[in-house]
Amino acid sequence: MENGSAIETANIGREGALGLFAAIYSRVSFNRCIVQLEGRTVRCPIELLQFEFKSSEHVCNLFVSYSETLLSQVQQTVACNAMHSIEERICRWLLMMHDRAEGESLTYTHEFLANMLGANRKSVMLAVPRVLVLAARGVPETTIMINIAPTRFQRGP
């Protein structure tokens, strides 16, 4: 946005890819992407994707199907951001991140969550304890470890 603020509109994990619209339409991506979890990635030249998209019906169908799925996720995210409480939005976001995480531990700061959710930091700070209590009550045998720190962790010397 013009003032530098942002909100997450899509969440891409192992199941997806970034830059497919550039391969389909020969355009530059206008999105800013933030890597939120550790993991392996594969980079592919756009020309190769464009060639595969144009020459393979199967690849074309995969691209279109994935694009439709991603659009559906974006629509759901917009509705959630407009209609749900900050606690519900945090829960949705943490569950989506857990689905994409390789381990069972998620570590984020209040500020980072606020940026991803398009909320102010104070709202997130007040909501996090309620989310953690609800998670503990609703899922007594949970194996998800959620670390949400008020400030960014400092690494030792």
N, C-alpha and C. Protein backbone atom coordinates (compact mmCIF):
# COMPACT_ATOMS: atom_id res chain seq x y z
N MET A 1 0.84 -1.17 0.00
CA MET A 1 0.00 0.00 0.00
C MET A 1 0.89 1.24 0.00
N GLU A 2 0.33 2.35 -0.35
CA GLU A 2 1.12 3.57 -0.47
C GLU A 2 1.85 3.94 0.81
N ASN A 3 1.22 3.69 1.97
CA ASN A 3 1.84 4.07 3.24
C ASN A 3 2.82 3.01 3.75
N GLY A 4 3.03 1.96 2.99
CA GLY A 4 3.98 0.92 3.38
C GLY A 4 3.38 -0.21 4.18
N SER A 5 2.13 -0.09 4.58
CA SER A 5 1.50 -1.17 5.34
C SER A 5 1.10 -2.29 4.39
N ALA A 6 0.86 -3.46 4.97
CA ALA A 6 0.52 -4.62 4.16
C ALA A 6 -0.40 -5.53 4.94
N ILE A 7 -1.01 -6.47 4.26
CA ILE A 7 -1.81 -7.50 4.88
C ILE A 7 -1.65 -8.76 4.05
N GLU A 8 -1.58 -9.89 4.73
CA GLU A 8 -1.43 -11.14 3.99
C GLU A 8 -2.74 -11.48 3.30
N THR A 9 -2.65 -11.83 2.04
CA THR A 9 -3.85 -12.21 1.29
C THR A 9 -3.81 -13.66 0.84
N ALA A 10 -2.64 -14.26 0.84
CA ALA A 10 -2.53 -15.66 0.44
C ALA A 10 -1.38 -16.30 1.20
N ASN A 11 -1.46 -17.60 1.31
CA ASN A 11 -0.47 -18.36 2.06
C ASN A 11 -0.07 -19.54 1.19
N ILE A 12 1.16 -19.57 0.75
CA ILE A 12 1.60 -20.62 -0.18
C ILE A 12 2.59 -21.52 0.53
N GLY A 13 2.36 -22.79 0.45
CA GLY A 13 3.25 -23.76 1.08
C GLY A 13 3.81 -24.73 0.07
N ARG A 14 4.10 -25.94 0.54
CA ARG A 14 4.68 -26.98 -0.33
C ARG A 14 3.79 -27.31 -1.52
N GLU A 15 2.49 -27.07 -1.35
CA GLU A 15 1.54 -27.44 -2.39
C GLU A 15 1.48 -26.45 -3.53
N GLY A 16 2.13 -25.31 -3.37
CA GLY A 16 1.91 -24.26 -4.36
C GLY A 16 3.17 -23.70 -4.98
N ALA A 17 2.96 -22.63 -5.69
CA ALA A 17 4.05 -21.96 -6.39
C ALA A 17 3.76 -20.47 -6.47
N LEU A 18 4.81 -19.73 -6.60
CA LEU A 18 4.72 -18.28 -6.70
C LEU A 18 5.15 -17.88 -8.11
N GLY A 19 4.44 -16.94 -8.70
CA GLY A 19 4.83 -16.46 -10.02
C GLY A 19 4.14 -17.15 -11.18
N LEU A 20 3.11 -17.94 -10.90
CA LEU A 20 2.45 -18.65 -12.00
C LEU A 20 1.73 -17.71 -12.95
N PHE A 21 1.21 -16.60 -12.44
CA PHE A 21 0.53 -15.67 -13.33
C PHE A 21 1.50 -15.07 -14.35
N ALA A 22 2.74 -14.88 -13.94
CA ALA A 22 3.75 -14.40 -14.89
C ALA A 22 3.97 -15.43 -15.99
N ALA A 23 3.92 -16.72 -15.62
CA ALA A 23 4.10 -17.77 -16.63
C ALA A 23 2.90 -17.84 -17.56
N ILE A 24 1.73 -17.64 -17.02
CA ILE A 24 0.50 -17.75 -17.81
C ILE A 24 0.31 -16.52 -18.70
N TYR A 25 0.53 -15.34 -18.15
CA TYR A 25 0.17 -14.11 -18.86
C TYR A 25 1.37 -13.27 -19.29
N SER A 26 2.58 -13.73 -19.06
CA SER A 26 3.79 -12.99 -19.43
C SER A 26 3.81 -11.61 -18.80
N ARG A 27 3.44 -11.55 -17.53
CA ARG A 27 3.43 -10.28 -16.81
C ARG A 27 4.35 -10.38 -15.60
N VAL A 28 4.67 -9.23 -15.06
CA VAL A 28 5.47 -9.14 -13.86
C VAL A 28 4.54 -9.26 -12.65
N SER A 29 4.98 -9.92 -11.62
CA SER A 29 4.19 -10.04 -10.40
C SER A 29 4.21 -8.72 -9.65
N PHE A 30 3.08 -8.30 -9.14
CA PHE A 30 2.98 -7.06 -8.39
C PHE A 30 2.91 -7.31 -6.89
N ASN A 31 3.09 -8.54 -6.49
CA ASN A 31 2.98 -8.90 -5.09
C ASN A 31 4.33 -8.89 -4.40
N ARG A 32 4.27 -8.67 -3.11
CA ARG A 32 5.46 -8.78 -2.27
C ARG A 32 5.33 -10.08 -1.50
N CYS A 33 6.37 -10.85 -1.48
CA CYS A 33 6.33 -12.15 -0.84
C CYS A 33 7.27 -12.18 0.35
N ILE A 34 6.79 -12.78 1.43
CA ILE A 34 7.58 -12.90 2.65
C ILE A 34 7.68 -14.37 3.00
N VAL A 35 8.88 -14.86 3.17
CA VAL A 35 9.08 -16.24 3.59
C VAL A 35 8.86 -16.28 5.10
N GLN A 36 7.93 -17.15 5.53
CA GLN A 36 7.55 -17.18 6.94
C GLN A 36 8.03 -18.43 7.66
N LEU A 37 8.45 -19.43 6.93
CA LEU A 37 8.92 -20.68 7.52
C LEU A 37 10.17 -21.15 6.80
N GLU A 38 10.98 -21.90 7.52
CA GLU A 38 12.14 -22.52 6.89
C GLU A 38 11.66 -23.66 6.00
N GLY A 39 12.41 -23.95 4.99
CA GLY A 39 12.07 -25.07 4.12
C GLY A 39 12.85 -25.00 2.82
N ARG A 40 12.66 -26.00 2.02
CA ARG A 40 13.34 -26.07 0.74
C ARG A 40 12.48 -25.43 -0.34
N THR A 41 13.14 -24.80 -1.29
CA THR A 41 12.44 -24.20 -2.42
C THR A 41 13.13 -24.61 -3.72
N VAL A 42 12.41 -24.47 -4.79
CA VAL A 42 12.95 -24.72 -6.12
C VAL A 42 12.68 -23.48 -6.95
N ARG A 43 13.69 -23.01 -7.64
CA ARG A 43 13.53 -21.87 -8.55
C ARG A 43 13.57 -22.37 -9.97
N CYS A 44 12.73 -21.78 -10.80
CA CYS A 44 12.65 -22.21 -12.18
C CYS A 44 12.59 -20.97 -13.08
N PRO A 45 13.35 -20.94 -14.15
CA PRO A 45 13.28 -19.80 -15.07
C PRO A 45 11.86 -19.63 -15.63
N ILE A 46 11.39 -18.42 -15.71
CA ILE A 46 10.03 -18.14 -16.18
C ILE A 46 9.82 -18.65 -17.60
N GLU A 47 10.86 -18.61 -18.42
CA GLU A 47 10.74 -19.09 -19.80
C GLU A 47 10.39 -20.58 -19.85
N LEU A 48 10.95 -21.35 -18.93
CA LEU A 48 10.65 -22.78 -18.87
C LEU A 48 9.19 -23.01 -18.47
N LEU A 49 8.72 -22.26 -17.48
CA LEU A 49 7.32 -22.38 -17.08
C LEU A 49 6.38 -21.98 -18.22
N GLN A 50 6.73 -20.90 -18.91
CA GLN A 50 5.90 -20.46 -20.03
C GLN A 50 5.87 -21.51 -21.13
N PHE A 51 7.01 -22.12 -21.42
CA PHE A 51 7.05 -23.17 -22.44
C PHE A 51 6.18 -24.35 -22.03
N GLU A 52 6.31 -24.81 -20.79
CA GLU A 52 5.52 -25.96 -20.32
C GLU A 52 4.04 -25.63 -20.32
N PHE A 53 3.69 -24.42 -19.92
CA PHE A 53 2.29 -24.01 -19.89
C PHE A 53 1.69 -24.04 -21.30
N LYS A 54 2.45 -23.56 -22.26
CA LYS A 54 1.94 -23.49 -23.64
C LYS A 54 1.95 -24.85 -24.35
N SER A 55 2.87 -25.73 -23.98
CA SER A 55 3.01 -26.97 -24.73
C SER A 55 2.39 -28.21 -24.06
N SER A 56 2.00 -28.10 -22.80
CA SER A 56 1.46 -29.27 -22.11
C SER A 56 0.06 -28.97 -21.57
N GLU A 57 -0.92 -29.69 -22.06
CA GLU A 57 -2.29 -29.52 -21.57
C GLU A 57 -2.38 -29.86 -20.08
N HIS A 58 -1.64 -30.88 -19.66
CA HIS A 58 -1.64 -31.28 -18.25
C HIS A 58 -1.10 -30.15 -17.36
N VAL A 59 0.03 -29.56 -17.74
CA VAL A 59 0.61 -28.46 -16.97
C VAL A 59 -0.32 -27.26 -16.98
N CYS A 60 -0.90 -26.98 -18.13
CA CYS A 60 -1.86 -25.88 -18.23
C CYS A 60 -3.02 -26.08 -17.26
N ASN A 61 -3.58 -27.30 -17.23
CA ASN A 61 -4.67 -27.60 -16.32
C ASN A 61 -4.25 -27.47 -14.86
N LEU A 62 -3.03 -27.89 -14.54
CA LEU A 62 -2.53 -27.75 -13.17
C LEU A 62 -2.41 -26.28 -12.77
N PHE A 63 -1.87 -25.46 -13.67
CA PHE A 63 -1.74 -24.03 -13.39
C PHE A 63 -3.09 -23.39 -13.16
N VAL A 64 -4.04 -23.69 -14.03
CA VAL A 64 -5.38 -23.09 -13.91
C VAL A 64 -6.06 -23.57 -12.64
N SER A 65 -5.97 -24.86 -12.36
CA SER A 65 -6.58 -25.41 -11.14
C SER A 65 -5.97 -24.77 -9.89
N TYR A 66 -4.65 -24.67 -9.86
CA TYR A 66 -4.00 -24.05 -8.71
C TYR A 66 -4.39 -22.58 -8.58
N SER A 67 -4.47 -21.86 -9.70
CA SER A 67 -4.87 -20.46 -9.68
C SER A 67 -6.27 -20.29 -9.11
N GLU A 68 -7.18 -21.18 -9.49
CA GLU A 68 -8.55 -21.13 -8.96
C GLU A 68 -8.56 -21.39 -7.45
N THR A 69 -7.75 -22.35 -7.01
CA THR A 69 -7.67 -22.67 -5.59
C THR A 69 -7.09 -21.50 -4.81
N LEU A 70 -6.06 -20.88 -5.33
CA LEU A 70 -5.44 -19.73 -4.68
C LEU A 70 -6.42 -18.56 -4.61
N LEU A 71 -7.17 -18.31 -5.68
CA LEU A 71 -8.17 -17.26 -5.67
C LEU A 71 -9.23 -17.53 -4.61
N SER A 72 -9.64 -18.78 -4.47
CA SER A 72 -10.60 -19.15 -3.44
C SER A 72 -10.05 -18.85 -2.04
N GLN A 73 -8.76 -19.15 -1.83
CA GLN A 73 -8.13 -18.86 -0.54
C GLN A 73 -8.10 -17.35 -0.28
N VAL A 74 -7.78 -16.58 -1.29
CA VAL A 74 -7.75 -15.12 -1.15
C VAL A 74 -9.14 -14.60 -0.78
N GLN A 75 -10.17 -15.12 -1.44
CA GLN A 75 -11.54 -14.69 -1.12
C GLN A 75 -11.91 -15.05 0.32
N GLN A 76 -11.53 -16.24 0.76
CA GLN A 76 -11.80 -16.67 2.13
C GLN A 76 -11.07 -15.78 3.13
N THR A 77 -9.83 -15.43 2.81
CA THR A 77 -9.03 -14.56 3.68
C THR A 77 -9.66 -13.18 3.80
N VAL A 78 -10.11 -12.63 2.69
CA VAL A 78 -10.76 -11.31 2.72
C VAL A 78 -12.03 -11.36 3.58
N ALA A 79 -12.83 -12.39 3.41
CA ALA A 79 -14.05 -12.53 4.21
C ALA A 79 -13.72 -12.68 5.69
N CYS A 80 -12.73 -13.49 5.99
CA CYS A 80 -12.31 -13.70 7.38
C CYS A 80 -11.83 -12.38 7.99
N ASN A 81 -11.01 -11.63 7.27
CA ASN A 81 -10.50 -10.36 7.78
C ASN A 81 -11.62 -9.37 8.04
N ALA A 82 -12.68 -9.42 7.25
CA ALA A 82 -13.79 -8.48 7.40
C ALA A 82 -14.79 -8.91 8.47
N MET A 83 -14.99 -10.21 8.64
CA MET A 83 -16.11 -10.69 9.46
C MET A 83 -15.74 -11.28 10.82
N HIS A 84 -14.49 -11.68 11.00
CA HIS A 84 -14.13 -12.42 12.21
C HIS A 84 -13.35 -11.57 13.21
N SER A 85 -13.41 -12.00 14.45
CA SER A 85 -12.67 -11.33 15.52
C SER A 85 -11.18 -11.56 15.33
N ILE A 86 -10.39 -10.77 16.03
CA ILE A 86 -8.94 -10.93 15.94
C ILE A 86 -8.52 -12.31 16.44
N GLU A 87 -9.19 -12.85 17.45
CA GLU A 87 -8.87 -14.18 17.95
C GLU A 87 -9.11 -15.24 16.87
N GLU A 88 -10.23 -15.14 16.18
CA GLU A 88 -10.55 -16.09 15.11
C GLU A 88 -9.56 -15.97 13.96
N ARG A 89 -9.16 -14.76 13.65
CA ARG A 89 -8.20 -14.55 12.57
C ARG A 89 -6.83 -15.12 12.94
N ILE A 90 -6.41 -14.96 14.19
CA ILE A 90 -5.15 -15.54 14.64
C ILE A 90 -5.21 -17.05 14.56
N CYS A 91 -6.31 -17.64 15.02
CA CYS A 91 -6.46 -19.09 14.97
C CYS A 91 -6.38 -19.60 13.54
N ARG A 92 -7.09 -18.96 12.63
CA ARG A 92 -7.07 -19.37 11.23
C ARG A 92 -5.67 -19.30 10.66
N TRP A 93 -4.98 -18.20 10.95
CA TRP A 93 -3.65 -18.00 10.41
C TRP A 93 -2.67 -19.03 10.98
N LEU A 94 -2.73 -19.26 12.29
CA LEU A 94 -1.82 -20.24 12.90
C LEU A 94 -2.08 -21.65 12.37
N LEU A 95 -3.34 -22.00 12.16
CA LEU A 95 -3.65 -23.32 11.60
C LEU A 95 -3.13 -23.45 10.17
N MET A 96 -3.26 -22.39 9.38
CA MET A 96 -2.72 -22.42 8.02
C MET A 96 -1.20 -22.56 8.04
N MET A 97 -0.54 -21.86 8.94
CA MET A 97 0.91 -21.96 9.03
C MET A 97 1.31 -23.35 9.51
N HIS A 98 0.57 -23.91 10.44
CA HIS A 98 0.88 -25.25 10.93
C HIS A 98 0.74 -26.27 9.81
N ASP A 99 -0.27 -26.11 8.96
CA ASP A 99 -0.44 -27.02 7.83
C ASP A 99 0.77 -27.01 6.91
N ARG A 100 1.46 -25.88 6.85
CA ARG A 100 2.59 -25.74 5.93
C ARG A 100 3.94 -25.96 6.61
N ALA A 101 3.95 -26.01 7.94
CA ALA A 101 5.20 -26.17 8.69
C ALA A 101 5.71 -27.60 8.63
N GLU A 102 7.00 -27.74 8.69
CA GLU A 102 7.60 -29.07 8.70
C GLU A 102 7.63 -29.65 10.10
N GLY A 103 7.59 -28.82 11.12
CA GLY A 103 7.63 -29.28 12.51
C GLY A 103 6.35 -28.92 13.24
N GLU A 104 6.40 -29.04 14.53
CA GLU A 104 5.22 -28.75 15.34
C GLU A 104 5.34 -27.44 16.10
N SER A 105 6.40 -26.68 15.88
CA SER A 105 6.62 -25.45 16.63
C SER A 105 6.51 -24.25 15.70
N LEU A 106 5.72 -23.28 16.12
CA LEU A 106 5.57 -22.02 15.38
C LEU A 106 6.03 -20.90 16.30
N THR A 107 6.91 -20.03 15.81
CA THR A 107 7.42 -18.94 16.63
C THR A 107 7.27 -17.64 15.86
N TYR A 108 6.48 -16.74 16.42
CA TYR A 108 6.24 -15.44 15.79
C TYR A 108 6.18 -14.36 16.85
N THR A 109 6.38 -13.13 16.44
CA THR A 109 6.23 -11.99 17.35
C THR A 109 4.84 -11.40 17.19
N HIS A 110 4.43 -10.63 18.19
CA HIS A 110 3.15 -9.92 18.10
C HIS A 110 3.14 -9.00 16.88
N GLU A 111 4.26 -8.33 16.67
CA GLU A 111 4.35 -7.40 15.55
C GLU A 111 4.19 -8.11 14.21
N PHE A 112 4.84 -9.27 14.07
CA PHE A 112 4.74 -10.02 12.82
C PHE A 112 3.30 -10.47 12.59
N LEU A 113 2.67 -11.02 13.62
CA LEU A 113 1.27 -11.44 13.48
C LEU A 113 0.38 -10.26 13.11
N ALA A 114 0.59 -9.14 13.75
CA ALA A 114 -0.20 -7.94 13.45
C ALA A 114 -0.04 -7.55 11.98
N ASN A 115 1.19 -7.59 11.47
CA ASN A 115 1.42 -7.25 10.07
C ASN A 115 0.73 -8.23 9.13
N MET A 116 0.80 -9.51 9.43
CA MET A 116 0.17 -10.52 8.58
C MET A 116 -1.35 -10.40 8.58
N LEU A 117 -1.91 -10.02 9.71
CA LEU A 117 -3.36 -9.96 9.86
C LEU A 117 -3.95 -8.58 9.55
N GLY A 118 -3.11 -7.60 9.32
CA GLY A 118 -3.60 -6.25 9.07
C GLY A 118 -4.24 -5.66 10.31
N ALA A 119 -3.71 -6.02 11.48
CA ALA A 119 -4.25 -5.56 12.77
C ALA A 119 -3.18 -4.72 13.46
N ASN A 120 -3.57 -4.04 14.52
CA ASN A 120 -2.56 -3.33 15.28
C ASN A 120 -1.96 -4.26 16.32
N ARG A 121 -0.74 -3.96 16.71
CA ARG A 121 0.01 -4.84 17.60
C ARG A 121 -0.68 -5.02 18.94
N LYS A 122 -1.29 -3.97 19.46
CA LYS A 122 -1.96 -4.06 20.76
C LYS A 122 -3.12 -5.05 20.72
N SER A 123 -3.88 -5.05 19.64
CA SER A 123 -4.99 -6.00 19.50
C SER A 123 -4.47 -7.44 19.53
N VAL A 124 -3.37 -7.67 18.82
CA VAL A 124 -2.78 -9.01 18.79
C VAL A 124 -2.26 -9.37 20.18
N MET A 125 -1.58 -8.44 20.83
CA MET A 125 -1.03 -8.68 22.16
C MET A 125 -2.13 -9.07 23.15
N LEU A 126 -3.27 -8.41 23.07
CA LEU A 126 -4.38 -8.72 23.97
C LEU A 126 -5.09 -10.02 23.59
N ALA A 127 -5.10 -10.36 22.32
CA ALA A 127 -5.83 -11.55 21.85
C ALA A 127 -5.05 -12.85 22.04
N VAL A 128 -3.73 -12.79 21.95
CA VAL A 128 -2.92 -14.01 21.99
C VAL A 128 -3.17 -14.85 23.24
N PRO A 129 -3.18 -14.29 24.44
CA PRO A 129 -3.44 -15.14 25.61
C PRO A 129 -4.79 -15.84 25.54
N ARG A 130 -5.82 -15.17 25.03
CA ARG A 130 -7.14 -15.79 24.88
C ARG A 130 -7.10 -16.93 23.87
N VAL A 131 -6.36 -16.74 22.78
CA VAL A 131 -6.23 -17.78 21.76
C VAL A 131 -5.55 -19.01 22.35
N LEU A 132 -4.49 -18.80 23.10
CA LEU A 132 -3.75 -19.92 23.68
C LEU A 132 -4.60 -20.67 24.69
N VAL A 133 -5.41 -19.96 25.49
CA VAL A 133 -6.30 -20.62 26.46
C VAL A 133 -7.36 -21.42 25.71
N LEU A 134 -7.96 -20.84 24.68
CA LEU A 134 -8.97 -21.56 23.90
C LEU A 134 -8.37 -22.78 23.22
N ALA A 135 -7.17 -22.67 22.71
CA ALA A 135 -6.53 -23.80 22.05
C ALA A 135 -6.28 -24.92 23.04
N ALA A 136 -5.84 -24.57 24.24
CA ALA A 136 -5.57 -25.59 25.26
C ALA A 136 -6.86 -26.28 25.70
N ARG A 137 -7.95 -25.54 25.80
CA ARG A 137 -9.24 -26.13 26.19
C ARG A 137 -9.84 -26.99 25.10
N GLY A 138 -9.77 -26.50 23.86
CA GLY A 138 -10.43 -27.18 22.75
C GLY A 138 -9.69 -28.40 22.26
N VAL A 139 -8.39 -28.42 22.43
CA VAL A 139 -7.59 -29.54 21.94
C VAL A 139 -6.66 -29.98 23.07
N PRO A 140 -7.17 -30.78 24.01
CA PRO A 140 -6.36 -31.12 25.18
C PRO A 140 -5.10 -31.90 24.87
N GLU A 141 -5.07 -32.63 23.79
CA GLU A 141 -3.88 -33.42 23.46
C GLU A 141 -3.12 -32.81 22.30
N THR A 142 -3.14 -31.52 22.20
CA THR A 142 -2.47 -30.85 21.09
C THR A 142 -0.97 -31.06 21.14
N THR A 143 -0.38 -31.18 19.97
CA THR A 143 1.07 -31.31 19.89
C THR A 143 1.68 -30.07 19.25
N ILE A 144 0.85 -29.08 18.98
CA ILE A 144 1.35 -27.85 18.38
C ILE A 144 1.92 -26.97 19.49
N MET A 145 3.15 -26.53 19.32
CA MET A 145 3.75 -25.62 20.28
C MET A 145 3.78 -24.25 19.63
N ILE A 146 3.13 -23.30 20.26
CA ILE A 146 3.04 -21.95 19.70
C ILE A 146 3.81 -21.00 20.61
N ASN A 147 4.82 -20.37 20.07
CA ASN A 147 5.60 -19.39 20.81
C ASN A 147 5.33 -18.03 20.19
N ILE A 148 4.66 -17.17 20.92
CA ILE A 148 4.40 -15.83 20.40
C ILE A 148 5.02 -14.86 21.39
N ALA A 149 6.07 -14.22 20.95
CA ALA A 149 6.84 -13.33 21.82
C ALA A 149 6.43 -11.89 21.62
N PRO A 150 6.45 -11.10 22.70
CA PRO A 150 6.11 -9.69 22.57
C PRO A 150 7.07 -8.94 21.64
N THR A 151 8.35 -9.32 21.64
CA THR A 151 9.32 -8.66 20.77
C THR A 151 10.15 -9.72 20.07
N ARG A 152 10.90 -9.29 19.11
CA ARG A 152 11.73 -10.20 18.34
C ARG A 152 12.77 -10.85 19.25
N PHE A 153 13.00 -12.14 19.04
CA PHE A 153 13.99 -12.86 19.83
C PHE A 153 15.38 -12.33 19.53
N GLN A 154 16.20 -12.27 20.54
CA GLN A 154 17.60 -11.86 20.38
C GLN A 154 18.47 -13.09 20.34
N ARG A 155 19.35 -13.19 19.38
CA ARG A 155 20.31 -14.29 19.33
C ARG A 155 21.49 -13.98 20.22
N GLY A 156 22.02 -15.01 20.82
CA GLY A 156 23.19 -14.87 21.69
C GLY A 156 24.43 -14.54 20.89
N PRO A 157 25.50 -14.15 21.59
CA PRO A 157 26.74 -13.76 20.89
C PRO A 157 27.39 -14.92 20.18
